[in-house]
């Protein structure tokens, strides 16, 4: 049975939800024992003293923080803060203390040994019968495991989204290969598709090696050109890194250009050569790439159809959002590719 309760003089507080007369008479002692023996870390601070120091800390708090009692008593709770503690969380606590209101916040804290933990802090003001602030009661809960699980779940979601995005990009490129490849016979068609898919596989190898970010342009170009014309190409340009989504279509564009050079262009001749130079326009946020073949024969066939022009145009226009201009000079192809780049 719940009995009526009057708070003890000097300290205002809520009446227990249920208590016997004997329990009420021992309330102070029971409260202290409860705080000391509970597994939840708890502290009491005194805002009437300078810098609001800790005046009571239970054993669970000492276990959590790694400090001894004599290292805690008399110090402000900010000793648990560290380099990566969120300034916003600190400001929220300071504002709550200044306005004498309850605070609930998750904050990154540090133990004595320097290891960090996520602390779900509840801070509550305690007033006397006159309404004057006399203590702050703080409870802590180590929620590091929960935060780690949430971070892992978020990382897993991002990974699945990224895998889906990469797969869609690859499928879009394969779709372009299948739809836009032209040949006079089934055998020639199969060989052309196989060659282009192999080129796409090289792009994936580069992406994997560079962990799908910050792909060097030089590595992309070299990977597509070297199997066809090792030692016959002058490659030159500043260090430029590409975002992963443009690597696949750009690799295929470079592959089409080099395949044409060794099949119909300058590299069909022993004296033929290829120059691939690039620059980055920082102000306009564009990559400018020049492809210049020399020493080759005059075009023997209609150049656009011989260069897989439809496929290149679709890749450049739709997937790369760029521009490609080409000129068929008597001794070889001259092309200029302009692509938007991230800042």
C-alpha atoms as a PDB file:
ATOM      1  CA  UNK A   1       0.000   0.000   0.000  1.00  0.00           C
ATOM      2  CA  UNK A   2       1.300   3.461  -0.921  1.00  0.00           C
ATOM      3  CA  UNK A   3       1.453   5.906   1.969  1.00  0.00           C
ATOM      4  CA  UNK A   4       1.425   9.692   1.891  1.00  0.00           C
ATOM      5  CA  UNK A   5       4.866  11.223   1.938  1.00  0.00           C
ATOM      6  CA  UNK A   6       6.315  14.572   2.915  1.00  0.00           C
ATOM      7  CA  UNK A   7       9.835  15.353   1.696  1.00  0.00           C
ATOM      8  CA  UNK A   8      12.569  15.730   4.330  1.00  0.00           C
ATOM      9  CA  UNK A   9      13.432  19.272   5.301  1.00  0.00           C
ATOM     10  CA  UNK A  10      15.920  21.068   3.107  1.00  0.00           C
ATOM     11  CA  UNK A  11      15.608  18.786   0.068  1.00  0.00           C
ATOM     12  CA  UNK A  12      12.779  18.842  -2.397  1.00  0.00           C
ATOM     13  CA  UNK A  13      11.987  15.713  -4.363  1.00  0.00           C
ATOM     14  CA  UNK A  14       9.205  13.513  -5.665  1.00  0.00           C
ATOM     15  CA  UNK A  15       7.511  11.077  -3.334  1.00  0.00           C
ATOM     16  CA  UNK A  16       8.316   7.374  -3.931  1.00  0.00           C
ATOM     17  CA  UNK A  17       5.725   5.585  -6.024  1.00  0.00           C
ATOM     18  CA  UNK A  18       5.423   2.909  -3.327  1.00  0.00           C
ATOM     19  CA  UNK A  19       7.029   2.676   0.126  1.00  0.00           C
ATOM     20  CA  UNK A  20       6.365   1.451   3.648  1.00  0.00           C
ATOM     21  CA  UNK A  21       6.730   3.661   6.733  1.00  0.00           C
ATOM     22  CA  UNK A  22       9.949   1.857   7.624  1.00  0.00           C
ATOM     23  CA  UNK A  23      11.255   2.339   4.070  1.00  0.00           C
ATOM     24  CA  UNK A  24      10.463   6.045   4.243  1.00  0.00           C
ATOM     25  CA  UNK A  25      12.336   6.473   7.495  1.00  0.00           C
ATOM     26  CA  UNK A  26      15.418   4.872   5.942  1.00  0.00           C
ATOM     27  CA  UNK A  27      15.050   6.740   2.670  1.00  0.00           C
ATOM     28  CA  UNK A  28      18.395   8.561   2.716  1.00  0.00           C
ATOM     29  CA  UNK A  29      20.356   5.445   3.562  1.00  0.00           C
ATOM     30  CA  UNK A  30      18.511   3.344   1.003  1.00  0.00           C
ATOM     31  CA  UNK A  31      19.019   5.984  -1.686  1.00  0.00           C
ATOM     32  CA  UNK A  32      22.762   6.090  -1.032  1.00  0.00           C
ATOM     33  CA  UNK A  33      23.054   2.299  -1.060  1.00  0.00           C
ATOM     34  CA  UNK A  34      21.057   2.140  -4.305  1.00  0.00           C
ATOM     35  CA  UNK A  35      23.303   4.672  -6.001  1.00  0.00           C
ATOM     36  CA  UNK A  36      26.435   2.927  -4.790  1.00  0.00           C
ATOM     37  CA  UNK A  37      25.402  -0.600  -5.708  1.00  0.00           C
ATOM     38  CA  UNK A  38      23.601  -0.032  -9.000  1.00  0.00           C
ATOM     39  CA  UNK A  39      25.409  -1.119 -12.124  1.00  0.00           C
ATOM     40  CA  UNK A  40      24.569   2.197 -13.813  1.00  0.00           C
ATOM     41  CA  UNK A  41      27.393   4.761 -13.485  1.00  0.00           C
ATOM     42  CA  UNK A  42      26.256   7.791 -11.508  1.00  0.00           C
ATOM     43  CA  UNK A  43      27.738  11.027 -10.159  1.00  0.00           C
ATOM     44  CA  UNK A  44      26.518  14.002  -8.126  1.00  0.00           C
ATOM     45  CA  UNK A  45      28.010  17.446  -8.639  1.00  0.00           C
ATOM     46  CA  UNK A  46      27.746  20.593  -6.519  1.00  0.00           C
ATOM     47  CA  UNK A  47      27.028  23.763  -8.553  1.00  0.00           C
ATOM     48  CA  UNK A  48      27.399  25.875  -5.396  1.00  0.00           C
ATOM     49  CA  UNK A  49      31.124  25.258  -5.531  1.00  0.00           C
ATOM     50  CA  UNK A  50      33.494  26.717  -8.110  1.00  0.00           C
ATOM     51  CA  UNK A  51      33.439  24.782 -11.406  1.00  0.00           C
ATOM     52  CA  UNK A  52      30.594  22.487 -10.289  1.00  0.00           C
ATOM     53  CA  UNK A  53      32.828  19.625  -9.023  1.00  0.00           C
ATOM     54  CA  UNK A  54      31.930  15.964  -8.514  1.00  0.00           C
ATOM     55  CA  UNK A  55      31.093  15.308  -4.845  1.00  0.00           C
ATOM     56  CA  UNK A  56      29.902  11.723  -5.206  1.00  0.00           C
ATOM     57  CA  UNK A  57      30.671   8.976  -7.720  1.00  0.00           C
ATOM     58  CA  UNK A  58      29.579   5.363  -7.448  1.00  0.00           C
ATOM     59  CA  UNK A  59      31.709   2.291  -8.140  1.00  0.00           C
ATOM     60  CA  UNK A  60      30.133   1.756 -11.564  1.00  0.00           C
ATOM     61  CA  UNK A  61      31.267   5.221 -12.639  1.00  0.00           C
ATOM     62  CA  UNK A  62      34.817   4.505 -11.476  1.00  0.00           C
ATOM     63  CA  UNK A  63      34.780   1.232 -13.434  1.00  0.00           C
ATOM     64  CA  UNK A  64      33.483   2.975 -16.549  1.00  0.00           C
ATOM     65  CA  UNK A  65      35.933   5.897 -16.435  1.00  0.00           C
ATOM     66  CA  UNK A  66      38.992   4.034 -15.151  1.00  0.00           C
ATOM     67  CA  UNK A  67      39.695   6.730 -12.559  1.00  0.00           C
ATOM     68  CA  UNK A  68      40.199   6.227  -8.830  1.00  0.00           C
ATOM     69  CA  UNK A  69      37.911   7.989  -6.359  1.00  0.00           C
ATOM     70  CA  UNK A  70      40.596  10.499  -5.342  1.00  0.00           C
ATOM     71  CA  UNK A  71      41.153  11.373  -9.022  1.00  0.00           C
ATOM     72  CA  UNK A  72      37.452  12.115  -9.548  1.00  0.00           C
ATOM     73  CA  UNK A  73      36.193  13.884  -6.434  1.00  0.00           C
ATOM     74  CA  UNK A  74      36.560  17.647  -6.672  1.00  0.00           C
ATOM     75  CA  UNK A  75      36.907  17.711 -10.461  1.00  0.00           C
ATOM     76  CA  UNK A  76      34.468  18.781 -13.146  1.00  0.00           C
ATOM     77  CA  UNK A  77      32.922  16.096 -15.350  1.00  0.00           C
ATOM     78  CA  UNK A  78      34.569  17.632 -18.400  1.00  0.00           C
ATOM     79  CA  UNK A  79      37.650  15.533 -17.585  1.00  0.00           C
ATOM     80  CA  UNK A  80      35.869  12.834 -19.626  1.00  0.00           C
ATOM     81  CA  UNK A  81      35.893  15.029 -22.745  1.00  0.00           C
ATOM     82  CA  UNK A  82      38.567  14.709 -25.401  1.00  0.00           C
ATOM     83  CA  UNK A  83      39.741  15.787 -28.836  1.00  0.00           C
ATOM     84  CA  UNK A  84      36.829  14.305 -30.794  1.00  0.00           C
ATOM     85  CA  UNK A  85      34.069  15.121 -28.317  1.00  0.00           C
ATOM     86  CA  UNK A  86      31.324  16.919 -30.216  1.00  0.00           C
ATOM     87  CA  UNK A  87      31.287  20.646 -29.476  1.00  0.00           C
ATOM     88  CA  UNK A  88      27.528  20.730 -30.056  1.00  0.00           C
ATOM     89  CA  UNK A  89      26.958  18.112 -27.341  1.00  0.00           C
ATOM     90  CA  UNK A  90      29.198  20.074 -24.965  1.00  0.00           C
ATOM     91  CA  UNK A  91      27.233  23.258 -25.687  1.00  0.00           C
ATOM     92  CA  UNK A  92      23.948  21.425 -25.063  1.00  0.00           C
ATOM     93  CA  UNK A  93      25.180  20.301 -21.645  1.00  0.00           C
ATOM     94  CA  UNK A  94      26.451  23.773 -20.760  1.00  0.00           C
ATOM     95  CA  UNK A  95      23.148  25.353 -21.766  1.00  0.00           C
ATOM     96  CA  UNK A  96      21.187  22.842 -19.693  1.00  0.00           C
ATOM     97  CA  UNK A  97      23.315  23.506 -16.617  1.00  0.00           C
ATOM     98  CA  UNK A  98      23.024  27.271 -17.106  1.00  0.00           C
ATOM     99  CA  UNK A  99      19.230  27.051 -17.382  1.00  0.00           C
ATOM    100  CA  UNK A 100      18.889  24.449 -14.594  1.00  0.00           C
ATOM    101  CA  UNK A 101      17.001  21.989 -16.730  1.00  0.00           C
ATOM    102  CA  UNK A 102      17.363  18.291 -17.544  1.00  0.00           C
ATOM    103  CA  UNK A 103      19.726  17.235 -20.288  1.00  0.00           C
ATOM    104  CA  UNK A 104      19.710  14.019 -22.322  1.00  0.00           C
ATOM    105  CA  UNK A 105      22.559  13.713 -24.801  1.00  0.00           C
ATOM    106  CA  UNK A 106      24.873  11.131 -26.357  1.00  0.00           C
ATOM    107  CA  UNK A 107      28.457  12.292 -26.172  1.00  0.00           C
ATOM    108  CA  UNK A 108      31.843  10.789 -26.989  1.00  0.00           C
ATOM    109  CA  UNK A 109      33.831  10.545 -23.755  1.00  0.00           C
ATOM    110  CA  UNK A 110      37.267   9.229 -22.837  1.00  0.00           C
ATOM    111  CA  UNK A 111      38.506   6.956 -20.065  1.00  0.00           C
ATOM    112  CA  UNK A 112      41.655   7.579 -18.069  1.00  0.00           C
ATOM    113  CA  UNK A 113      43.616   5.269 -20.401  1.00  0.00           C
ATOM    114  CA  UNK A 114      42.581   7.357 -23.428  1.00  0.00           C
ATOM    115  CA  UNK A 115      40.105   4.866 -24.886  1.00  0.00           C
ATOM    116  CA  UNK A 116      36.818   6.358 -26.014  1.00  0.00           C
ATOM    117  CA  UNK A 117      33.215   5.346 -25.402  1.00  0.00           C
ATOM    118  CA  UNK A 118      29.802   6.701 -26.319  1.00  0.00           C
ATOM    119  CA  UNK A 119      28.040   7.972 -23.226  1.00  0.00           C
ATOM    120  CA  UNK A 120      24.265   8.374 -23.036  1.00  0.00           C
ATOM    121  CA  UNK A 121      24.232  11.081 -20.395  1.00  0.00           C
ATOM    122  CA  UNK A 122      21.209  12.088 -18.351  1.00  0.00           C
ATOM    123  CA  UNK A 123      21.714  15.202 -16.228  1.00  0.00           C
ATOM    124  CA  UNK A 124      19.086  16.348 -13.752  1.00  0.00           C
ATOM    125  CA  UNK A 125      19.070  19.379 -11.381  1.00  0.00           C
ATOM    126  CA  UNK A 126      18.182  18.905  -7.689  1.00  0.00           C
ATOM    127  CA  UNK A 127      16.589  21.816  -5.769  1.00  0.00           C
ATOM    128  CA  UNK A 128      15.935  22.381  -2.090  1.00  0.00           C
ATOM    129  CA  UNK A 129      12.564  23.285  -0.586  1.00  0.00           C
ATOM    130  CA  UNK A 130      13.173  26.950  -1.434  1.00  0.00           C
ATOM    131  CA  UNK A 131      13.763  26.114  -5.088  1.00  0.00           C
ATOM    132  CA  UNK A 132      17.480  26.757  -4.931  1.00  0.00           C
ATOM    133  CA  UNK A 133      19.757  24.571  -7.032  1.00  0.00           C
ATOM    134  CA  UNK A 134      21.925  22.472  -4.725  1.00  0.00           C
ATOM    135  CA  UNK A 135      23.118  19.479  -6.796  1.00  0.00           C
ATOM    136  CA  UNK A 136      23.206  17.960 -10.236  1.00  0.00           C
ATOM    137  CA  UNK A 137      22.597  14.262 -10.606  1.00  0.00           C
ATOM    138  CA  UNK A 138      24.165  12.577 -13.614  1.00  0.00           C
ATOM    139  CA  UNK A 139      23.725   9.021 -14.879  1.00  0.00           C
ATOM    140  CA  UNK A 140      25.812   7.510 -17.659  1.00  0.00           C
ATOM    141  CA  UNK A 141      25.183   4.579 -19.951  1.00  0.00           C
ATOM    142  CA  UNK A 142      27.875   3.128 -22.208  1.00  0.00           C
ATOM    143  CA  UNK A 143      26.141   2.800 -25.597  1.00  0.00           C
ATOM    144  CA  UNK A 144      29.303   2.175 -27.618  1.00  0.00           C
ATOM    145  CA  UNK A 145      28.166  -1.283 -28.760  1.00  0.00           C
ATOM    146  CA  UNK A 146      24.835   0.045 -29.960  1.00  0.00           C
ATOM    147  CA  UNK A 147      26.512   2.896 -31.822  1.00  0.00           C
ATOM    148  CA  UNK A 148      28.917   0.473 -33.485  1.00  0.00           C
ATOM    149  CA  UNK A 149      26.052  -1.762 -34.569  1.00  0.00           C
ATOM    150  CA  UNK A 150      24.213   1.256 -35.985  1.00  0.00           C
ATOM    151  CA  UNK A 151      27.380   2.315 -37.833  1.00  0.00           C
ATOM    152  CA  UNK A 152      27.807  -1.204 -39.229  1.00  0.00           C
ATOM    153  CA  UNK A 153      24.186  -1.292 -40.376  1.00  0.00           C
ATOM    154  CA  UNK A 154      24.573   2.118 -42.021  1.00  0.00           C
ATOM    155  CA  UNK A 155      27.809   0.996 -43.709  1.00  0.00           C
ATOM    156  CA  UNK A 156      26.071  -2.162 -44.917  1.00  0.00           C
ATOM    157  CA  UNK A 157      23.231  -0.109 -46.387  1.00  0.00           C
ATOM    158  CA  UNK A 158      25.708   2.192 -48.128  1.00  0.00           C
ATOM    159  CA  UNK A 159      27.633  -0.815 -49.440  1.00  0.00           C
ATOM    160  CA  UNK A 160      24.490  -2.410 -50.872  1.00  0.00           C
ATOM    161  CA  UNK A 161      23.497   0.876 -52.478  1.00  0.00           C
ATOM    162  CA  UNK A 162      26.992   1.259 -53.935  1.00  0.00           C
ATOM    163  CA  UNK A 163      27.021  -2.315 -55.266  1.00  0.00           C
ATOM    164  CA  UNK A 164      23.641  -1.702 -56.876  1.00  0.00           C
ATOM    165  CA  UNK A 165      24.879   1.576 -58.372  1.00  0.00           C
ATOM    166  CA  UNK A 166      28.044  -0.046 -59.745  1.00  0.00           C
ATOM    167  CA  UNK A 167      26.107  -2.962 -61.185  1.00  0.00           C
ATOM    168  CA  UNK A 168      23.662  -0.610 -62.908  1.00  0.00           C
ATOM    169  CA  UNK A 169      26.548   1.373 -64.406  1.00  0.00           C
ATOM    170  CA  UNK A 170      28.212  -1.798 -65.675  1.00  0.00           C
ATOM    171  CA  UNK A 171      24.951  -3.118 -67.099  1.00  0.00           C
ATOM    172  CA  UNK A 172      24.296   0.180 -68.849  1.00  0.00           C
ATOM    173  CA  UNK A 173      27.710  -0.034 -70.509  1.00  0.00           C
ATOM    174  CA  UNK A 174      27.223  -3.688 -71.471  1.00  0.00           C
ATOM    175  CA  UNK A 175      23.809  -2.779 -72.879  1.00  0.00           C
ATOM    176  CA  UNK A 176      25.480  -0.143 -75.046  1.00  0.00           C
ATOM    177  CA  UNK A 177      28.055  -2.687 -76.214  1.00  0.00           C
ATOM    178  CA  UNK A 178      25.432  -5.273 -77.189  1.00  0.00           C
ATOM    179  CA  UNK A 179      23.066  -2.825 -78.864  1.00  0.00           C
ATOM    180  CA  UNK A 180      25.594  -0.695 -80.692  1.00  0.00           C
ATOM    181  CA  UNK A 181      28.104  -3.288 -81.889  1.00  0.00           C
ATOM    182  CA  UNK A 182      27.809  -3.738 -85.652  1.00  0.00           C
ATOM    183  CA  UNK A 183      29.303  -6.537 -87.804  1.00  0.00           C
ATOM    184  CA  UNK A 184      28.645  -8.294 -91.128  1.00  0.00           C
ATOM    185  CA  UNK A 185      28.625 -11.821 -89.664  1.00  0.00           C
ATOM    186  CA  UNK A 186      27.675 -13.464 -86.377  1.00  0.00           C
ATOM    187  CA  UNK A 187      31.290 -14.466 -85.799  1.00  0.00           C
ATOM    188  CA  UNK A 188      32.547 -10.917 -86.277  1.00  0.00           C
ATOM    189  CA  UNK A 189      29.781  -9.582 -84.030  1.00  0.00           C
ATOM    190  CA  UNK A 190      30.660 -12.085 -81.262  1.00  0.00           C
ATOM    191  CA  UNK A 191      34.352 -11.201 -81.545  1.00  0.00           C
ATOM    192  CA  UNK A 192      33.625  -7.461 -81.343  1.00  0.00           C
ATOM    193  CA  UNK A 193      31.363  -7.865 -78.299  1.00  0.00           C
ATOM    194  CA  UNK A 194      33.951 -10.087 -76.605  1.00  0.00           C
ATOM    195  CA  UNK A 195      36.706  -7.536 -77.259  1.00  0.00           C
ATOM    196  CA  UNK A 196      34.660  -4.717 -75.810  1.00  0.00           C
ATOM    197  CA  UNK A 197      33.553  -6.683 -72.750  1.00  0.00           C
ATOM    198  CA  UNK A 198      37.202  -7.588 -72.170  1.00  0.00           C
ATOM    199  CA  UNK A 199      37.974  -3.868 -72.239  1.00  0.00           C
ATOM    200  CA  UNK A 200      35.267  -3.285 -69.653  1.00  0.00           C
ATOM    201  CA  UNK A 201      36.787  -6.031 -67.477  1.00  0.00           C
ATOM    202  CA  UNK A 202      40.102  -4.142 -67.538  1.00  0.00           C
ATOM    203  CA  UNK A 203      38.302  -1.055 -66.296  1.00  0.00           C
ATOM    204  CA  UNK A 204      36.836  -3.073 -63.429  1.00  0.00           C
ATOM    205  CA  UNK A 205      40.290  -4.386 -62.561  1.00  0.00           C
ATOM    206  CA  UNK A 206      41.605  -0.823 -62.297  1.00  0.00           C
ATOM    207  CA  UNK A 207      38.597   0.208 -60.203  1.00  0.00           C
ATOM    208  CA  UNK A 208      39.155  -2.709 -57.846  1.00  0.00           C
ATOM    209  CA  UNK A 209      42.880  -2.025 -57.544  1.00  0.00           C
ATOM    210  CA  UNK A 210      42.199   1.602 -56.615  1.00  0.00           C
ATOM    211  CA  UNK A 211      39.236   0.690 -54.359  1.00  0.00           C
ATOM    212  CA  UNK A 212      36.684   2.400 -56.604  1.00  0.00           C
ATOM    213  CA  UNK A 213      37.859   5.926 -55.960  1.00  0.00           C
ATOM    214  CA  UNK A 214      40.519   8.380 -57.151  1.00  0.00           C
ATOM    215  CA  UNK A 215      41.410   6.454 -60.324  1.00  0.00           C
ATOM    216  CA  UNK A 216      44.500   7.897 -62.112  1.00  0.00           C
ATOM    217  CA  UNK A 217      43.695   8.855 -65.695  1.00  0.00           C
ATOM    218  CA  UNK A 218      47.157   7.713 -66.799  1.00  0.00           C
ATOM    219  CA  UNK A 219      46.512   4.196 -65.476  1.00  0.00           C
ATOM    220  CA  UNK A 220      43.189   4.009 -67.311  1.00  0.00           C
ATOM    221  CA  UNK A 221      44.686   5.087 -70.643  1.00  0.00           C
ATOM    222  CA  UNK A 222      47.778   2.924 -70.255  1.00  0.00           C
ATOM    223  CA  UNK A 223      45.699  -0.153 -69.416  1.00  0.00           C
ATOM    224  CA  UNK A 224      43.652   0.201 -72.606  1.00  0.00           C
ATOM    225  CA  UNK A 225      46.497   1.179 -74.964  1.00  0.00           C
ATOM    226  CA  UNK A 226      49.511  -0.913 -73.925  1.00  0.00           C
ATOM    227  CA  UNK A 227      48.216  -4.312 -75.161  1.00  0.00           C
ATOM    228  CA  UNK A 228      47.845  -2.828 -78.658  1.00  0.00           C
ATOM    229  CA  UNK A 229      50.698  -0.357 -79.009  1.00  0.00           C
ATOM    230  CA  UNK A 230      53.279  -0.715 -76.270  1.00  0.00           C
ATOM    231  CA  UNK A 231      56.195   1.674 -76.807  1.00  0.00           C
ATOM    232  CA  UNK A 232      54.561   3.532 -79.691  1.00  0.00           C
ATOM    233  CA  UNK A 233      52.493   6.019 -77.742  1.00  0.00           C
ATOM    234  CA  UNK A 234      53.501   9.380 -76.264  1.00  0.00           C
ATOM    235  CA  UNK A 235      51.313   9.793 -73.171  1.00  0.00           C
ATOM    236  CA  UNK A 236      51.611  13.050 -71.309  1.00  0.00           C
ATOM    237  CA  UNK A 237      49.600  15.142 -68.880  1.00  0.00           C
ATOM    238  CA  UNK A 238      49.241  16.284 -65.274  1.00  0.00           C
ATOM    239  CA  UNK A 239      48.143  13.990 -62.494  1.00  0.00           C
ATOM    240  CA  UNK A 240      44.379  13.676 -62.819  1.00  0.00           C
ATOM    241  CA  UNK A 241      42.124  11.428 -60.749  1.00  0.00           C
ATOM    242  CA  UNK A 242      38.760  10.240 -61.997  1.00  0.00           C
ATOM    243  CA  UNK A 243      35.560   9.484 -60.128  1.00  0.00           C
ATOM    244  CA  UNK A 244      34.554   5.828 -60.388  1.00  0.00           C
ATOM    245  CA  UNK A 245      31.320   6.295 -62.425  1.00  0.00           C
ATOM    246  CA  UNK A 246      33.158   7.709 -65.449  1.00  0.00           C
ATOM    247  CA  UNK A 247      35.923   5.084 -65.539  1.00  0.00           C
ATOM    248  CA  UNK A 248      33.920   2.368 -67.334  1.00  0.00           C
ATOM    249  CA  UNK A 249      32.553   4.445 -70.227  1.00  0.00           C
ATOM    250  CA  UNK A 250      35.800   6.396 -70.642  1.00  0.00           C
ATOM    251  CA  UNK A 251      37.795   3.142 -70.760  1.00  0.00           C
ATOM    252  CA  UNK A 252      35.544   1.901 -73.531  1.00  0.00           C
ATOM    253  CA  UNK A 253      35.931   5.153 -75.482  1.00  0.00           C
ATOM    254  CA  UNK A 254      39.741   4.901 -75.250  1.00  0.00           C
ATOM    255  CA  UNK A 255      39.518   1.239 -76.267  1.00  0.00           C
ATOM    256  CA  UNK A 256      37.485   2.101 -79.370  1.00  0.00           C
ATOM    257  CA  UNK A 257      39.983   4.782 -80.355  1.00  0.00           C
ATOM    258  CA  UNK A 258      43.030   2.525 -79.974  1.00  0.00           C
ATOM    259  CA  UNK A 259      41.287  -0.418 -81.675  1.00  0.00           C
ATOM    260  CA  UNK A 260      40.587   1.796 -84.660  1.00  0.00           C
ATOM    261  CA  UNK A 261      44.194   3.068 -84.670  1.00  0.00           C
ATOM    262  CA  UNK A 262      45.635  -0.462 -84.911  1.00  0.00           C
ATOM    263  CA  UNK A 263      42.977  -1.698 -87.353  1.00  0.00           C
ATOM    264  CA  UNK A 264      42.509   1.233 -89.709  1.00  0.00           C
ATOM    265  CA  UNK A 265      44.642   4.125 -88.452  1.00  0.00           C
ATOM    266  CA  UNK A 266      48.216   5.228 -87.919  1.00  0.00           C
ATOM    267  CA  UNK A 267      49.312   2.187 -85.926  1.00  0.00           C
ATOM    268  CA  UNK A 268      48.779  -0.084 -88.906  1.00  0.00           C
ATOM    269  CA  UNK A 269      52.072   1.335 -90.226  1.00  0.00           C
ATOM    270  CA  UNK A 270      55.524   0.613 -88.752  1.00  0.00           C
ATOM    271  CA  UNK A 271      56.285   4.331 -88.775  1.00  0.00           C
ATOM    272  CA  UNK A 272      52.915   5.366 -87.371  1.00  0.00           C
ATOM    273  CA  UNK A 273      52.680   6.884 -83.912  1.00  0.00           C
ATOM    274  CA  UNK A 274      50.111   8.108 -81.424  1.00  0.00           C
ATOM    275  CA  UNK A 275      50.197  11.059 -79.069  1.00  0.00           C
ATOM    276  CA  UNK A 276      47.738  11.258 -76.171  1.00  0.00           C
ATOM    277  CA  UNK A 277      48.008  14.466 -74.164  1.00  0.00           C
ATOM    278  CA  UNK A 278      45.613  15.818 -71.564  1.00  0.00           C
ATOM    279  CA  UNK A 279      45.146  18.820 -69.328  1.00  0.00           C
ATOM    280  CA  UNK A 280      42.739  19.926 -66.637  1.00  0.00           C
ATOM    281  CA  UNK A 281      40.860  23.204 -66.796  1.00  0.00           C
ATOM    282  CA  UNK A 282      40.386  23.925 -63.107  1.00  0.00           C
ATOM    283  CA  UNK A 283      38.265  27.040 -63.635  1.00  0.00           C
ATOM    284  CA  UNK A 284      35.831  25.354 -66.000  1.00  0.00           C
ATOM    285  CA  UNK A 285      36.113  22.013 -64.163  1.00  0.00           C
ATOM    286  CA  UNK A 286      36.806  20.097 -67.344  1.00  0.00           C
ATOM    287  CA  UNK A 287      39.229  17.457 -68.531  1.00  0.00           C
ATOM    288  CA  UNK A 288      40.637  18.126 -72.017  1.00  0.00           C
ATOM    289  CA  UNK A 289      42.202  15.178 -73.873  1.00  0.00           C
ATOM    290  CA  UNK A 290      43.861  15.285 -77.313  1.00  0.00           C
ATOM    291  CA  UNK A 291      44.290  12.147 -79.434  1.00  0.00           C
ATOM    292  CA  UNK A 292      46.675  12.664 -82.369  1.00  0.00           C
ATOM    293  CA  UNK A 293      47.676   9.915 -84.814  1.00  0.00           C
ATOM    294  CA  UNK A 294      50.471  10.476 -87.357  1.00  0.00           C
ATOM    295  CA  UNK A 295      52.210   8.417 -90.005  1.00  0.00           C
ATOM    296  CA  UNK A 296      49.165   6.408 -90.955  1.00  0.00           C
ATOM    297  CA  UNK A 297      47.386   5.805 -94.249  1.00  0.00           C
ATOM    298  CA  UNK A 298      44.618   7.962 -95.619  1.00  0.00           C
ATOM    299  CA  UNK A 299      41.213   6.685 -94.489  1.00  0.00           C
ATOM    300  CA  UNK A 300      40.279   3.768 -96.745  1.00  0.00           C
ATOM    301  CA  UNK A 301      36.698   3.502 -95.481  1.00  0.00           C
ATOM    302  CA  UNK A 302      34.080   5.915 -94.302  1.00  0.00           C
ATOM    303  CA  UNK A 303      35.700   7.026 -91.015  1.00  0.00           C
ATOM    304  CA  UNK A 304      32.588   7.306 -88.822  1.00  0.00           C
ATOM    305  CA  UNK A 305      31.463   3.727 -89.485  1.00  0.00           C
ATOM    306  CA  UNK A 306      35.010   2.408 -89.209  1.00  0.00           C
ATOM    307  CA  UNK A 307      35.494   4.011 -85.781  1.00  0.00           C
ATOM    308  CA  UNK A 308      32.430   2.652 -84.009  1.00  0.00           C
ATOM    309  CA  UNK A 309      31.240   6.242 -84.044  1.00  0.00           C
ATOM    310  CA  UNK A 310      27.719   5.487 -82.835  1.00  0.00           C
ATOM    311  CA  UNK A 311      28.947   3.705 -79.704  1.00  0.00           C
ATOM    312  CA  UNK A 312      31.493   6.409 -78.892  1.00  0.00           C
ATOM    313  CA  UNK A 313      28.913   9.142 -79.372  1.00  0.00           C
ATOM    314  CA  UNK A 314      26.432   7.436 -77.029  1.00  0.00           C
ATOM    315  CA  UNK A 315      29.103   6.897 -74.368  1.00  0.00           C
ATOM    316  CA  UNK A 316      30.414  10.447 -74.562  1.00  0.00           C
ATOM    317  CA  UNK A 317      27.038  12.177 -74.813  1.00  0.00           C
ATOM    318  CA  UNK A 318      24.935  10.120 -72.407  1.00  0.00           C
ATOM    319  CA  UNK A 319      27.232   8.533 -69.846  1.00  0.00           C
ATOM    320  CA  UNK A 320      30.127  10.988 -69.764  1.00  0.00           C
ATOM    321  CA  UNK A 321      28.108  14.161 -70.466  1.00  0.00           C
ATOM    322  CA  UNK A 322      31.027  15.339 -72.606  1.00  0.00           C
ATOM    323  CA  UNK A 323      31.929  16.439 -76.102  1.00  0.00           C
ATOM    324  CA  UNK A 324      34.057  14.700 -78.741  1.00  0.00           C
ATOM    325  CA  UNK A 325      35.289  16.265 -81.984  1.00  0.00           C
ATOM    326  CA  UNK A 326      37.175  14.293 -84.653  1.00  0.00           C
ATOM    327  CA  UNK A 327      39.100  15.160 -87.806  1.00  0.00           C
ATOM    328  CA  UNK A 328      40.338  12.534 -90.269  1.00  0.00           C
ATOM    329  CA  UNK A 329      43.603  13.960 -91.613  1.00  0.00           C
ATOM    330  CA  UNK A 330      45.417  12.196 -94.478  1.00  0.00           C
ATOM    331  CA  UNK A 331      47.931  10.583 -92.070  1.00  0.00           C
ATOM    332  CA  UNK A 332      45.645   9.806 -89.142  1.00  0.00           C
ATOM    333  CA  UNK A 333      42.875  10.724 -86.771  1.00  0.00           C
ATOM    334  CA  UNK A 334      42.884  13.841 -84.628  1.00  0.00           C
ATOM    335  CA  UNK A 335      40.318  13.897 -81.837  1.00  0.00           C
ATOM    336  CA  UNK A 336      39.572  16.129 -78.871  1.00  0.00           C
ATOM    337  CA  UNK A 337      37.569  14.928 -75.880  1.00  0.00           C
ATOM    338  CA  UNK A 338      36.191  17.378 -73.290  1.00  0.00           C
ATOM    339  CA  UNK A 339      34.627  16.010 -70.098  1.00  0.00           C
ATOM    340  CA  UNK A 340      33.170  17.635 -66.968  1.00  0.00           C
ATOM    341  CA  UNK A 341      35.179  16.963 -63.823  1.00  0.00           C
ATOM    342  CA  UNK A 342      34.381  17.165 -60.134  1.00  0.00           C
ATOM    343  CA  UNK A 343      35.783  20.120 -58.247  1.00  0.00           C
END
